[in-house]
Amino acid sequence: MGGLIINAADGFALAMLGMILLSWTILFLLFWTMRRLAAKRDPQVDALLEELEESDKPCLSNRPPARKKRADWERNSDWWKS
């Protein structure tokens, strides 16, 4: 009769191909969703990030750094010179 013969090994191979196709589909949907959401970024967030970058820049003042007040039990930084 010439019927189609499918054994257990063929079923396993088809199941593995289905799982691979399913995993690739899930990855594609995740990346597509991430790309779509990244395109909808709020312009206020960009402005806030730029403002934060500018505020992180060091001030160009001529003042020397403030000295820390030492506790009574601490030695001078050059105690070994004397």
N, C-alpha and C. Protein backbone atom coordinates (compact mmCIF):
# COMPACT_ATOMS: atom_id res chain seq x y z
N MET A 1 0.78 -1.19 0.00
CA MET A 1 0.00 0.00 0.00
C MET A 1 0.83 1.27 0.00
N GLY A 2 2.01 1.30 0.34
CA GLY A 2 2.87 2.48 0.24
C GLY A 2 2.47 3.60 1.19
N GLY A 3 2.07 3.26 2.38
CA GLY A 3 1.67 4.26 3.36
C GLY A 3 2.89 4.97 3.96
N LEU A 4 2.64 6.05 4.61
CA LEU A 4 3.69 6.82 5.26
C LEU A 4 4.05 6.14 6.57
N ILE A 5 5.32 5.80 6.73
CA ILE A 5 5.77 5.11 7.93
C ILE A 5 6.52 6.12 8.80
N ILE A 6 6.03 6.34 10.02
CA ILE A 6 6.69 7.23 10.98
C ILE A 6 6.99 6.42 12.22
N ASN A 7 8.23 6.40 12.60
CA ASN A 7 8.60 5.67 13.81
C ASN A 7 8.86 6.66 14.95
N ALA A 8 9.27 6.17 16.11
CA ALA A 8 9.46 6.98 17.31
C ALA A 8 10.59 8.00 17.13
N ALA A 9 11.63 7.63 16.39
CA ALA A 9 12.76 8.55 16.18
C ALA A 9 12.31 9.75 15.37
N ASP A 10 11.47 9.54 14.38
CA ASP A 10 10.98 10.67 13.59
C ASP A 10 10.09 11.58 14.43
N GLY A 11 9.29 11.02 15.30
CA GLY A 11 8.45 11.82 16.18
C GLY A 11 9.28 12.66 17.13
N PHE A 12 10.36 12.07 17.65
CA PHE A 12 11.26 12.81 18.54
C PHE A 12 11.93 13.96 17.79
N ALA A 13 12.39 13.72 16.56
CA ALA A 13 13.04 14.76 15.77
C ALA A 13 12.05 15.89 15.46
N LEU A 14 10.81 15.54 15.11
CA LEU A 14 9.81 16.57 14.84
C LEU A 14 9.48 17.36 16.11
N ALA A 15 9.43 16.70 17.25
CA ALA A 15 9.18 17.40 18.51
C ALA A 15 10.32 18.37 18.84
N MET A 16 11.56 17.95 18.60
CA MET A 16 12.70 18.83 18.84
C MET A 16 12.69 20.02 17.89
N LEU A 17 12.34 19.81 16.64
CA LEU A 17 12.24 20.93 15.71
C LEU A 17 11.14 21.90 16.14
N GLY A 18 10.04 21.37 16.64
CA GLY A 18 8.96 22.22 17.15
C GLY A 18 9.42 23.04 18.35
N MET A 19 10.18 22.43 19.25
CA MET A 19 10.68 23.16 20.43
C MET A 19 11.67 24.24 20.02
N ILE A 20 12.52 23.94 19.05
CA ILE A 20 13.47 24.95 18.57
C ILE A 20 12.72 26.12 17.94
N LEU A 21 11.72 25.81 17.12
CA LEU A 21 10.92 26.87 16.51
C LEU A 21 10.21 27.70 17.57
N LEU A 22 9.67 27.06 18.59
CA LEU A 22 9.01 27.77 19.68
C LEU A 22 9.98 28.68 20.43
N SER A 23 11.18 28.19 20.72
CA SER A 23 12.15 29.01 21.46
C SER A 23 12.61 30.21 20.62
N TRP A 24 12.84 30.01 19.33
CA TRP A 24 13.23 31.13 18.47
C TRP A 24 12.09 32.15 18.37
N THR A 25 10.86 31.69 18.34
CA THR A 25 9.72 32.60 18.29
C THR A 25 9.63 33.43 19.56
N ILE A 26 9.84 32.82 20.70
CA ILE A 26 9.81 33.55 21.98
C ILE A 26 10.92 34.59 22.03
N LEU A 27 12.12 34.21 21.61
CA LEU A 27 13.23 35.18 21.59
C LEU A 27 12.93 36.34 20.66
N PHE A 28 12.38 36.04 19.48
CA PHE A 28 12.04 37.10 18.54
C PHE A 28 11.01 38.05 19.15
N LEU A 29 9.99 37.51 19.81
CA LEU A 29 8.97 38.36 20.41
C LEU A 29 9.53 39.21 21.55
N LEU A 30 10.46 38.66 22.33
CA LEU A 30 11.08 39.44 23.40
C LEU A 30 11.88 40.61 22.85
N PHE A 31 12.71 40.34 21.83
CA PHE A 31 13.52 41.41 21.24
C PHE A 31 12.65 42.44 20.54
N TRP A 32 11.60 42.00 19.88
CA TRP A 32 10.69 42.93 19.20
C TRP A 32 10.00 43.83 20.21
N THR A 33 9.58 43.27 21.33
CA THR A 33 8.92 44.06 22.37
C THR A 33 9.89 45.06 22.99
N MET A 34 11.11 44.63 23.25
CA MET A 34 12.11 45.54 23.83
C MET A 34 12.40 46.70 22.87
N ARG A 35 12.51 46.40 21.59
CA ARG A 35 12.79 47.45 20.61
C ARG A 35 11.62 48.43 20.52
N ARG A 36 10.41 47.91 20.54
CA ARG A 36 9.23 48.76 20.45
C ARG A 36 9.12 49.67 21.68
N LEU A 37 9.40 49.12 22.86
CA LEU A 37 9.32 49.93 24.08
C LEU A 37 10.45 50.95 24.16
N ALA A 38 11.61 50.62 23.62
CA ALA A 38 12.73 51.56 23.64
C ALA A 38 12.44 52.74 22.72
N ALA A 39 11.67 52.53 21.66
CA ALA A 39 11.34 53.62 20.75
C ALA A 39 10.37 54.60 21.39
N LYS A 40 9.60 54.19 22.39
CA LYS A 40 8.62 55.04 23.05
C LYS A 40 9.19 55.74 24.28
N ARG A 41 10.47 55.93 24.33
CA ARG A 41 11.11 56.51 25.50
C ARG A 41 10.64 57.94 25.72
N ASP A 42 10.43 58.30 26.96
CA ASP A 42 9.92 59.61 27.34
C ASP A 42 11.01 60.66 27.18
N PRO A 43 10.74 61.78 26.51
CA PRO A 43 11.77 62.82 26.35
C PRO A 43 12.16 63.46 27.68
N GLN A 44 11.27 63.42 28.68
CA GLN A 44 11.63 63.98 29.98
C GLN A 44 12.73 63.18 30.65
N VAL A 45 12.77 61.88 30.37
CA VAL A 45 13.82 61.04 30.94
C VAL A 45 15.16 61.44 30.35
N ASP A 46 15.20 61.70 29.04
CA ASP A 46 16.45 62.13 28.41
C ASP A 46 16.92 63.47 28.98
N ALA A 47 15.99 64.39 29.19
CA ALA A 47 16.36 65.69 29.76
C ALA A 47 16.90 65.52 31.17
N LEU A 48 16.29 64.65 31.95
CA LEU A 48 16.76 64.41 33.31
C LEU A 48 18.15 63.79 33.32
N LEU A 49 18.40 62.84 32.41
CA LEU A 49 19.72 62.23 32.34
C LEU A 49 20.79 63.24 31.95
N GLU A 50 20.47 64.13 31.01
CA GLU A 50 21.43 65.17 30.63
C GLU A 50 21.71 66.11 31.80
N GLU A 51 20.67 66.45 32.55
CA GLU A 51 20.85 67.33 33.71
C GLU A 51 21.72 66.66 34.77
N LEU A 52 21.54 65.37 34.97
CA LEU A 52 22.36 64.66 35.94
C LEU A 52 23.82 64.59 35.50
N GLU A 53 24.05 64.40 34.20
CA GLU A 53 25.43 64.37 33.71
C GLU A 53 26.12 65.71 33.92
N GLU A 54 25.39 66.80 33.69
CA GLU A 54 25.99 68.13 33.89
C GLU A 54 26.26 68.41 35.36
N SER A 55 25.41 67.92 36.24
CA SER A 55 25.62 68.18 37.66
C SER A 55 26.75 67.33 38.23
N ASP A 56 27.11 66.24 37.56
CA ASP A 56 28.20 65.40 38.04
C ASP A 56 29.57 65.97 37.69
N LYS A 57 29.63 66.95 36.80
CA LYS A 57 30.91 67.55 36.44
C LYS A 57 31.45 68.30 37.64
N PRO A 58 32.77 68.24 37.88
CA PRO A 58 33.33 68.93 39.06
C PRO A 58 33.28 70.45 38.88
N CYS A 59 33.10 71.14 39.97
CA CYS A 59 33.10 72.60 39.97
C CYS A 59 34.53 73.09 39.77
N LEU A 60 34.68 74.13 39.00
CA LEU A 60 36.01 74.67 38.73
C LEU A 60 36.28 75.87 39.63
N SER A 61 36.17 75.68 40.90
CA SER A 61 36.43 76.78 41.83
C SER A 61 37.90 76.71 42.27
N ASN A 62 38.39 77.84 42.75
CA ASN A 62 39.79 77.93 43.16
C ASN A 62 39.97 77.62 44.63
N ARG A 63 38.92 77.19 45.29
CA ARG A 63 39.04 76.90 46.71
C ARG A 63 39.76 75.59 46.93
N PRO A 64 40.66 75.54 47.89
CA PRO A 64 41.29 74.25 48.20
C PRO A 64 40.28 73.35 48.91
N PRO A 65 40.50 72.07 48.84
CA PRO A 65 39.56 71.17 49.52
C PRO A 65 39.59 71.39 51.02
N ALA A 66 38.46 71.25 51.64
CA ALA A 66 38.35 71.47 53.08
C ALA A 66 39.08 70.37 53.83
N ARG A 67 39.78 70.77 54.91
CA ARG A 67 40.50 69.78 55.71
C ARG A 67 39.53 69.10 56.66
N LYS A 68 39.77 67.83 56.86
CA LYS A 68 38.95 67.10 57.83
C LYS A 68 39.46 67.43 59.24
N LYS A 69 38.54 67.53 60.13
CA LYS A 69 38.94 67.77 61.51
C LYS A 69 39.40 66.46 62.12
N ARG A 70 40.59 66.50 62.73
CA ARG A 70 41.18 65.31 63.33
C ARG A 70 40.67 65.10 64.74
N ALA A 71 40.58 63.85 65.07
CA ALA A 71 40.27 63.53 66.47
C ALA A 71 41.54 63.69 67.29
N ASP A 72 41.42 63.79 68.61
CA ASP A 72 42.58 64.02 69.48
C ASP A 72 43.58 62.87 69.43
N TRP A 73 43.12 61.67 69.20
CA TRP A 73 44.01 60.53 69.25
C TRP A 73 44.75 60.30 67.93
N GLU A 74 44.40 61.02 66.86
CA GLU A 74 45.06 60.81 65.57
C GLU A 74 46.36 61.61 65.49
N ARG A 75 47.33 61.05 64.79
CA ARG A 75 48.61 61.73 64.61
C ARG A 75 48.56 62.63 63.37
N ASN A 76 49.56 63.51 63.27
CA ASN A 76 49.73 64.29 62.06
C ASN A 76 50.10 63.37 60.91
N SER A 77 49.84 63.82 59.69
CA SER A 77 50.16 62.97 58.54
C SER A 77 51.67 62.84 58.35
N ASP A 78 52.47 63.75 58.87
CA ASP A 78 53.92 63.66 58.72
C ASP A 78 54.61 63.34 60.05
N TRP A 79 54.02 62.54 60.86
CA TRP A 79 54.56 62.21 62.17
C TRP A 79 55.89 61.48 62.07
N TRP A 80 56.12 60.79 61.01
CA TRP A 80 57.35 60.01 60.86
C TRP A 80 58.54 60.86 60.49
N LYS A 81 58.33 62.13 60.06
CA LYS A 81 59.44 62.99 59.67
C LYS A 81 60.19 63.53 60.87
N SER A 82 59.56 63.66 62.01
CA SER A 82 60.21 64.28 63.15
C SER A 82 60.97 63.29 63.99
